[in-house]
Amino acid sequence: MKSIKKTAEYTIYQKRNNRYAVKSANGQWLNGDDKVTVLVAESLIKLSAAAPVEAPAEETPAEDAPAEEAKED
C-alpha cells in the first residue's frame, strides 16, 4: 500500500487493487461510514444516489389450493 495523504487525524492509503484504506491517528483502521466520510471529504470517491428499495410483494395465501380440491370431491 502506498500512502496518499497524511493528516493529524488519519492516513489514507491506496491498495494495489486501487481501493482505499484509512487509518486513524491512534492506529486503528476506519471502516463503514467513517471511512466513506473521510474519502468523500478528500474527494477521492463520489457517492451516487442510492436506488430505491422495492418492498417485497406479498405472497398469495396457500389456502386457495385446498378449497379447489374440496370442490372436486
PDB file of N, CA and C in Angstrom:
ATOM      1  N   MET A   1       0.847  -1.175   0.000  1.00  0.00           N
ATOM      2  CA  MET A   1       0.000   0.000   0.000  1.00  0.00           C
ATOM      3  C   MET A   1       0.885   1.228   0.000  1.00  0.00           C
ATOM      4  N   LYS A   2       0.410   2.215  -0.732  1.00  0.00           N
ATOM      5  CA  LYS A   2       1.168   3.462  -0.712  1.00  0.00           C
ATOM      6  C   LYS A   2       0.349   4.543  -0.036  1.00  0.00           C
ATOM      7  N   SER A   3       1.024   5.405   0.684  1.00  0.00           N
ATOM      8  CA  SER A   3       0.375   6.476   1.411  1.00  0.00           C
ATOM      9  C   SER A   3      -0.027   7.582   0.438  1.00  0.00           C
ATOM     10  N   ILE A   4      -1.310   7.954   0.452  1.00  0.00           N
ATOM     11  CA  ILE A   4      -1.822   9.001  -0.432  1.00  0.00           C
ATOM     12  C   ILE A   4      -1.806  10.345   0.265  1.00  0.00           C
ATOM     13  N   LYS A   5      -2.346  10.384   1.502  1.00  0.00           N
ATOM     14  CA  LYS A   5      -2.414  11.638   2.247  1.00  0.00           C
ATOM     15  C   LYS A   5      -2.337  11.352   3.729  1.00  0.00           C
ATOM     16  N   LYS A   6      -1.598  12.180   4.451  1.00  0.00           N
ATOM     17  CA  LYS A   6      -1.461  12.025   5.887  1.00  0.00           C
ATOM     18  C   LYS A   6      -1.843  13.337   6.560  1.00  0.00           C
ATOM     19  N   THR A   7      -2.779  13.260   7.507  1.00  0.00           N
ATOM     20  CA  THR A   7      -3.179  14.431   8.286  1.00  0.00           C
ATOM     21  C   THR A   7      -2.999  14.097   9.763  1.00  0.00           C
ATOM     22  N   ALA A   8      -3.366  15.025  10.626  1.00  0.00           N
ATOM     23  CA  ALA A   8      -3.243  14.785  12.064  1.00  0.00           C
ATOM     24  C   ALA A   8      -4.246  13.739  12.544  1.00  0.00           C
ATOM     25  N   GLU A   9      -5.405  13.623  11.863  1.00  0.00           N
ATOM     26  CA  GLU A   9      -6.447  12.703  12.311  1.00  0.00           C
ATOM     27  C   GLU A   9      -6.365  11.320  11.670  1.00  0.00           C
ATOM     28  N   TYR A  10      -5.838  11.231  10.449  1.00  0.00           N
ATOM     29  CA  TYR A  10      -5.859   9.955   9.738  1.00  0.00           C
ATOM     30  C   TYR A  10      -4.817   9.919   8.633  1.00  0.00           C
ATOM     31  N   THR A  11      -4.576   8.705   8.111  1.00  0.00           N
ATOM     32  CA  THR A  11      -3.706   8.490   6.953  1.00  0.00           C
ATOM     33  C   THR A  11      -4.496   7.678   5.938  1.00  0.00           C
ATOM     34  N   ILE A  12      -4.469   8.116   4.682  1.00  0.00           N
ATOM     35  CA  ILE A  12      -5.171   7.414   3.617  1.00  0.00           C
ATOM     36  C   ILE A  12      -4.148   6.655   2.789  1.00  0.00           C
ATOM     37  N   TYR A  13      -4.431   5.365   2.580  1.00  0.00           N
ATOM     38  CA  TYR A  13      -3.573   4.508   1.774  1.00  0.00           C
ATOM     39  C   TYR A  13      -4.335   4.042   0.543  1.00  0.00           C
ATOM     40  N   GLN A  14      -3.591   3.796  -0.548  1.00  0.00           N
ATOM     41  CA  GLN A  14      -4.201   3.191  -1.727  1.00  0.00           C
ATOM     42  C   GLN A  14      -3.606   1.795  -1.877  1.00  0.00           C
ATOM     43  N   LYS A  15      -4.516   0.806  -1.974  1.00  0.00           N
ATOM     44  CA  LYS A  15      -4.095  -0.580  -2.108  1.00  0.00           C
ATOM     45  C   LYS A  15      -3.707  -0.875  -3.553  1.00  0.00           C
ATOM     46  N   ARG A  16      -3.127  -2.042  -3.788  1.00  0.00           N
ATOM     47  CA  ARG A  16      -2.740  -2.428  -5.149  1.00  0.00           C
ATOM     48  C   ARG A  16      -3.943  -2.603  -6.066  1.00  0.00           C
ATOM     49  N   ASN A  17      -5.114  -2.902  -5.496  1.00  0.00           N
ATOM     50  CA  ASN A  17      -6.319  -3.080  -6.315  1.00  0.00           C
ATOM     51  C   ASN A  17      -7.078  -1.756  -6.482  1.00  0.00           C
ATOM     52  N   ASN A  18      -6.421  -0.637  -6.183  1.00  0.00           N
ATOM     53  CA  ASN A  18      -6.935   0.732  -6.329  1.00  0.00           C
ATOM     54  C   ASN A  18      -8.050   1.079  -5.362  1.00  0.00           C
ATOM     55  N   ARG A  19      -8.258   0.303  -4.337  1.00  0.00           N
ATOM     56  CA  ARG A  19      -9.190   0.674  -3.279  1.00  0.00           C
ATOM     57  C   ARG A  19      -8.424   1.460  -2.225  1.00  0.00           C
ATOM     58  N   TYR A  20      -9.185   2.097  -1.320  1.00  0.00           N
ATOM     59  CA  TYR A  20      -8.563   2.927  -0.304  1.00  0.00           C
ATOM     60  C   TYR A  20      -8.723   2.323   1.083  1.00  0.00           C
ATOM     61  N   ALA A  21      -7.753   2.583   1.930  1.00  0.00           N
ATOM     62  CA  ALA A  21      -7.798   2.205   3.335  1.00  0.00           C
ATOM     63  C   ALA A  21      -7.505   3.460   4.145  1.00  0.00           C
ATOM     64  N   VAL A  22      -8.185   3.594   5.277  1.00  0.00           N
ATOM     65  CA  VAL A  22      -7.997   4.777   6.119  1.00  0.00           C
ATOM     66  C   VAL A  22      -7.645   4.304   7.522  1.00  0.00           C
ATOM     67  N   LYS A  23      -6.548   4.854   8.044  1.00  0.00           N
ATOM     68  CA  LYS A  23      -6.077   4.505   9.378  1.00  0.00           C
ATOM     69  C   LYS A  23      -6.115   5.753  10.241  1.00  0.00           C
ATOM     70  N   SER A  24      -6.724   5.642  11.426  1.00  0.00           N
ATOM     71  CA  SER A  24      -6.828   6.793  12.320  1.00  0.00           C
ATOM     72  C   SER A  24      -5.477   7.085  12.968  1.00  0.00           C
ATOM     73  N   ALA A  25      -5.397   8.223  13.628  1.00  0.00           N
ATOM     74  CA  ALA A  25      -4.146   8.631  14.259  1.00  0.00           C
ATOM     75  C   ALA A  25      -3.730   7.685  15.380  1.00  0.00           C
ATOM     76  N   ASN A  26      -4.711   7.016  16.006  1.00  0.00           N
ATOM     77  CA  ASN A  26      -4.366   6.089  17.087  1.00  0.00           C
ATOM     78  C   ASN A  26      -4.047   4.689  16.572  1.00  0.00           C
ATOM     79  N   GLY A  27      -3.971   4.511  15.250  1.00  0.00           N
ATOM     80  CA  GLY A  27      -3.531   3.256  14.662  1.00  0.00           C
ATOM     81  C   GLY A  27      -4.625   2.262  14.328  1.00  0.00           C
ATOM     82  N   GLN A  28      -5.887   2.666  14.446  1.00  0.00           N
ATOM     83  CA  GLN A  28      -6.989   1.758  14.139  1.00  0.00           C
ATOM     84  C   GLN A  28      -7.518   2.036  12.740  1.00  0.00           C
ATOM     85  N   TRP A  29      -7.881   0.959  12.034  1.00  0.00           N
ATOM     86  CA  TRP A  29      -8.425   1.101  10.694  1.00  0.00           C
ATOM     87  C   TRP A  29      -9.868   1.571  10.769  1.00  0.00           C
ATOM     88  N   LEU A  30     -10.230   2.524   9.909  1.00  0.00           N
ATOM     89  CA  LEU A  30     -11.600   3.007   9.844  1.00  0.00           C
ATOM     90  C   LEU A  30     -12.371   2.188   8.828  1.00  0.00           C
ATOM     91  N   ASN A  31     -13.618   1.886   9.137  1.00  0.00           N
ATOM     92  CA  ASN A  31     -14.483   1.116   8.257  1.00  0.00           C
ATOM     93  C   ASN A  31     -15.844   1.793   8.169  1.00  0.00           C
ATOM     94  N   GLY A  32     -16.615   1.388   7.185  1.00  0.00           N
ATOM     95  CA  GLY A  32     -18.008   1.823   7.068  1.00  0.00           C
ATOM     96  C   GLY A  32     -18.163   3.301   6.815  1.00  0.00           C
ATOM     97  N   ASP A  33     -19.120   3.899   7.528  1.00  0.00           N
ATOM     98  CA  ASP A  33     -19.466   5.299   7.311  1.00  0.00           C
ATOM     99  C   ASP A  33     -18.315   6.248   7.634  1.00  0.00           C
ATOM    100  N   ASP A  34     -17.511   5.904   8.640  1.00  0.00           N
ATOM    101  CA  ASP A  34     -16.368   6.763   8.993  1.00  0.00           C
ATOM    102  C   ASP A  34     -15.383   6.859   7.833  1.00  0.00           C
ATOM    103  N   LYS A  35     -15.099   5.718   7.228  1.00  0.00           N
ATOM    104  CA  LYS A  35     -14.168   5.671   6.101  1.00  0.00           C
ATOM    105  C   LYS A  35     -14.735   6.435   4.898  1.00  0.00           C
ATOM    106  N   VAL A  36     -16.012   6.236   4.620  1.00  0.00           N
ATOM    107  CA  VAL A  36     -16.649   6.910   3.481  1.00  0.00           C
ATOM    108  C   VAL A  36     -16.630   8.413   3.680  1.00  0.00           C
ATOM    109  N   THR A  37     -16.900   8.873   4.899  1.00  0.00           N
ATOM    110  CA  THR A  37     -16.903  10.303   5.200  1.00  0.00           C
ATOM    111  C   THR A  37     -15.539  10.931   4.912  1.00  0.00           C
ATOM    112  N   VAL A  38     -14.482  10.267   5.318  1.00  0.00           N
ATOM    113  CA  VAL A  38     -13.121  10.776   5.095  1.00  0.00           C
ATOM    114  C   VAL A  38     -12.805  10.810   3.599  1.00  0.00           C
ATOM    115  N   LEU A  39     -13.126   9.744   2.877  1.00  0.00           N
ATOM    116  CA  LEU A  39     -12.800   9.673   1.456  1.00  0.00           C
ATOM    117  C   LEU A  39     -13.607  10.678   0.628  1.00  0.00           C
ATOM    118  N   VAL A  40     -14.846  10.925   0.994  1.00  0.00           N
ATOM    119  CA  VAL A  40     -15.656  11.930   0.293  1.00  0.00           C
ATOM    120  C   VAL A  40     -15.110  13.323   0.587  1.00  0.00           C
ATOM    121  N   ALA A  41     -14.720  13.576   1.831  1.00  0.00           N
ATOM    122  CA  ALA A  41     -14.176  14.880   2.202  1.00  0.00           C
ATOM    123  C   ALA A  41     -12.885  15.176   1.433  1.00  0.00           C
ATOM    124  N   GLU A  42     -12.111  14.158   1.137  1.00  0.00           N
ATOM    125  CA  GLU A  42     -10.856  14.334   0.403  1.00  0.00           C
ATOM    126  C   GLU A  42     -11.055  14.232  -1.109  1.00  0.00           C
ATOM    127  N   SER A  43     -12.281  14.068  -1.558  1.00  0.00           N
ATOM    128  CA  SER A  43     -12.644  13.971  -2.987  1.00  0.00           C
ATOM    129  C   SER A  43     -11.966  12.796  -3.693  1.00  0.00           C
ATOM    130  N   LEU A  44     -11.776  11.717  -2.970  1.00  0.00           N
ATOM    131  CA  LEU A  44     -11.195  10.533  -3.577  1.00  0.00           C
ATOM    132  C   LEU A  44     -12.275   9.616  -4.142  1.00  0.00           C
ATOM    133  N   ILE A  45     -13.485   9.697  -3.580  1.00  0.00           N
ATOM    134  CA  ILE A  45     -14.607   8.929  -4.103  1.00  0.00           C
ATOM    135  C   ILE A  45     -15.811   9.841  -4.218  1.00  0.00           C
ATOM    136  N   LYS A  46     -16.762   9.434  -5.060  1.00  0.00           N
ATOM    137  CA  LYS A  46     -18.028  10.145  -5.192  1.00  0.00           C
ATOM    138  C   LYS A  46     -19.135   9.175  -4.860  1.00  0.00           C
ATOM    139  N   LEU A  47     -20.121   9.652  -4.131  1.00  0.00           N
ATOM    140  CA  LEU A  47     -21.259   8.808  -3.794  1.00  0.00           C
ATOM    141  C   LEU A  47     -22.359   9.015  -4.819  1.00  0.00           C
ATOM    142  N   SER A  48     -22.945   7.928  -5.257  1.00  0.00           N
ATOM    143  CA  SER A  48     -24.076   8.027  -6.170  1.00  0.00           C
ATOM    144  C   SER A  48     -25.359   7.950  -5.359  1.00  0.00           C
ATOM    145  N   ALA A  49     -26.452   8.380  -5.946  1.00  0.00           N
ATOM    146  CA  ALA A  49     -27.731   8.318  -5.260  1.00  0.00           C
ATOM    147  C   ALA A  49     -28.128   6.855  -5.076  1.00  0.00           C
ATOM    148  N   ALA A  50     -28.605   6.547  -3.917  1.00  0.00           N
ATOM    149  CA  ALA A  50     -28.996   5.167  -3.629  1.00  0.00           C
ATOM    150  C   ALA A  50     -30.274   4.834  -4.388  1.00  0.00           C
ATOM    151  N   ALA A  51     -30.323   3.654  -4.941  1.00  0.00           N
ATOM    152  CA  ALA A  51     -31.510   3.203  -5.662  1.00  0.00           C
ATOM    153  C   ALA A  51     -32.611   2.910  -4.644  1.00  0.00           C
ATOM    154  N   PRO A  52     -33.847   3.247  -4.970  1.00  0.00           N
ATOM    155  CA  PRO A  52     -34.927   2.967  -4.018  1.00  0.00           C
ATOM    156  C   PRO A  52     -35.127   1.463  -3.861  1.00  0.00           C
ATOM    157  N   VAL A  53     -35.362   1.066  -2.655  1.00  0.00           N
ATOM    158  CA  VAL A  53     -35.549  -0.347  -2.363  1.00  0.00           C
ATOM    159  C   VAL A  53     -37.032  -0.665  -2.490  1.00  0.00           C
ATOM    160  N   GLU A  54     -37.349  -1.635  -3.329  1.00  0.00           N
ATOM    161  CA  GLU A  54     -38.746  -2.006  -3.516  1.00  0.00           C
ATOM    162  C   GLU A  54     -39.164  -2.958  -2.407  1.00  0.00           C
ATOM    163  N   ALA A  55     -40.388  -2.769  -1.924  1.00  0.00           N
ATOM    164  CA  ALA A  55     -40.913  -3.660  -0.903  1.00  0.00           C
ATOM    165  C   ALA A  55     -41.255  -4.996  -1.555  1.00  0.00           C
ATOM    166  N   PRO A  56     -40.962  -6.094  -0.900  1.00  0.00           N
ATOM    167  CA  PRO A  56     -41.280  -7.396  -1.494  1.00  0.00           C
ATOM    168  C   PRO A  56     -42.793  -7.556  -1.627  1.00  0.00           C
ATOM    169  N   ALA A  57     -43.206  -8.146  -2.729  1.00  0.00           N
ATOM    170  CA  ALA A  57     -44.627  -8.366  -2.965  1.00  0.00           C
ATOM    171  C   ALA A  57     -45.148  -9.416  -1.988  1.00  0.00           C
ATOM    172  N   GLU A  58     -46.358  -9.193  -1.509  1.00  0.00           N
ATOM    173  CA  GLU A  58     -46.930 -10.148  -0.570  1.00  0.00           C
ATOM    174  C   GLU A  58     -47.323 -11.417  -1.311  1.00  0.00           C
ATOM    175  N   GLU A  59     -47.060 -12.531  -0.693  1.00  0.00           N
ATOM    176  CA  GLU A  59     -47.369 -13.813  -1.313  1.00  0.00           C
ATOM    177  C   GLU A  59     -48.851 -14.122  -1.153  1.00  0.00           C
ATOM    178  N   THR A  60     -49.400 -14.795  -2.119  1.00  0.00           N
ATOM    179  CA  THR A  60     -50.803 -15.189  -2.016  1.00  0.00           C
ATOM    180  C   THR A  60     -50.914 -16.333  -1.024  1.00  0.00           C
ATOM    181  N   PRO A  61     -51.951 -16.355  -0.241  1.00  0.00           N
ATOM    182  CA  PRO A  61     -52.074 -17.432   0.751  1.00  0.00           C
ATOM    183  C   PRO A  61     -52.260 -18.782   0.080  1.00  0.00           C
ATOM    184  N   ALA A  62     -51.747 -19.790   0.720  1.00  0.00           N
ATOM    185  CA  ALA A  62     -51.808 -21.149   0.181  1.00  0.00           C
ATOM    186  C   ALA A  62     -53.163 -21.793   0.463  1.00  0.00           C
ATOM    187  N   GLU A  63     -54.098 -21.067   1.030  1.00  0.00           N
ATOM    188  CA  GLU A  63     -55.410 -21.609   1.369  1.00  0.00           C
ATOM    189  C   GLU A  63     -56.263 -21.851   0.123  1.00  0.00           C
ATOM    190  N   ASP A  64     -55.960 -21.214  -0.989  1.00  0.00           N
ATOM    191  CA  ASP A  64     -56.749 -21.356  -2.201  1.00  0.00           C
ATOM    192  C   ASP A  64     -56.701 -22.782  -2.753  1.00  0.00           C
ATOM    193  N   ALA A  65     -55.572 -23.425  -2.715  1.00  0.00           N
ATOM    194  CA  ALA A  65     -55.419 -24.758  -3.298  1.00  0.00           C
ATOM    195  C   ALA A  65     -56.302 -25.806  -2.618  1.00  0.00           C
ATOM    196  N   PRO A  66     -56.360 -25.907  -1.301  1.00  0.00           N
ATOM    197  CA  PRO A  66     -57.229 -26.927  -0.700  1.00  0.00           C
ATOM    198  C   PRO A  66     -58.707 -26.682  -0.996  1.00  0.00           C
ATOM    199  N   ALA A  67     -59.122 -25.454  -1.145  1.00  0.00           N
ATOM    200  CA  ALA A  67     -60.518 -25.152  -1.434  1.00  0.00           C
ATOM    201  C   ALA A  67     -60.906 -25.702  -2.800  1.00  0.00           C
ATOM    202  N   GLU A  68     -60.007 -25.633  -3.771  1.00  0.00           N
ATOM    203  CA  GLU A  68     -60.287 -26.151  -5.107  1.00  0.00           C
ATOM    204  C   GLU A  68     -60.389 -27.683  -5.090  1.00  0.00           C
ATOM    205  N   GLU A  69     -59.573 -28.328  -4.282  1.00  0.00           N
ATOM    206  CA  GLU A  69     -59.611 -29.787  -4.199  1.00  0.00           C
ATOM    207  C   GLU A  69     -60.912 -30.238  -3.563  1.00  0.00           C
ATOM    208  N   ALA A  70     -61.428 -29.504  -2.622  1.00  0.00           N
ATOM    209  CA  ALA A  70     -62.666 -29.874  -1.932  1.00  0.00           C
ATOM    210  C   ALA A  70     -63.847 -29.813  -2.887  1.00  0.00           C
ATOM    211  N   LYS A  71     -63.820 -28.909  -3.873  1.00  0.00           N
ATOM    212  CA  LYS A  71     -64.905 -28.781  -4.840  1.00  0.00           C
ATOM    213  C   LYS A  71     -65.001 -30.014  -5.731  1.00  0.00           C
ATOM    214  N   GLU A  72     -63.863 -30.649  -6.021  1.00  0.00           N
ATOM    215  CA  GLU A  72     -63.843 -31.794  -6.903  1.00  0.00           C
ATOM    216  C   GLU A  72     -64.476 -33.013  -6.252  1.00  0.00           C
ATOM    217  N   ASP A  73     -64.452 -33.138  -4.957  1.00  0.00           N
ATOM    218  CA  ASP A  73     -64.991 -34.322  -4.263  1.00  0.00           C
ATOM    219  C   ASP A  73     -66.448 -34.411  -4.331  1.00  0.00           C
TER     220      ASP A  73
END
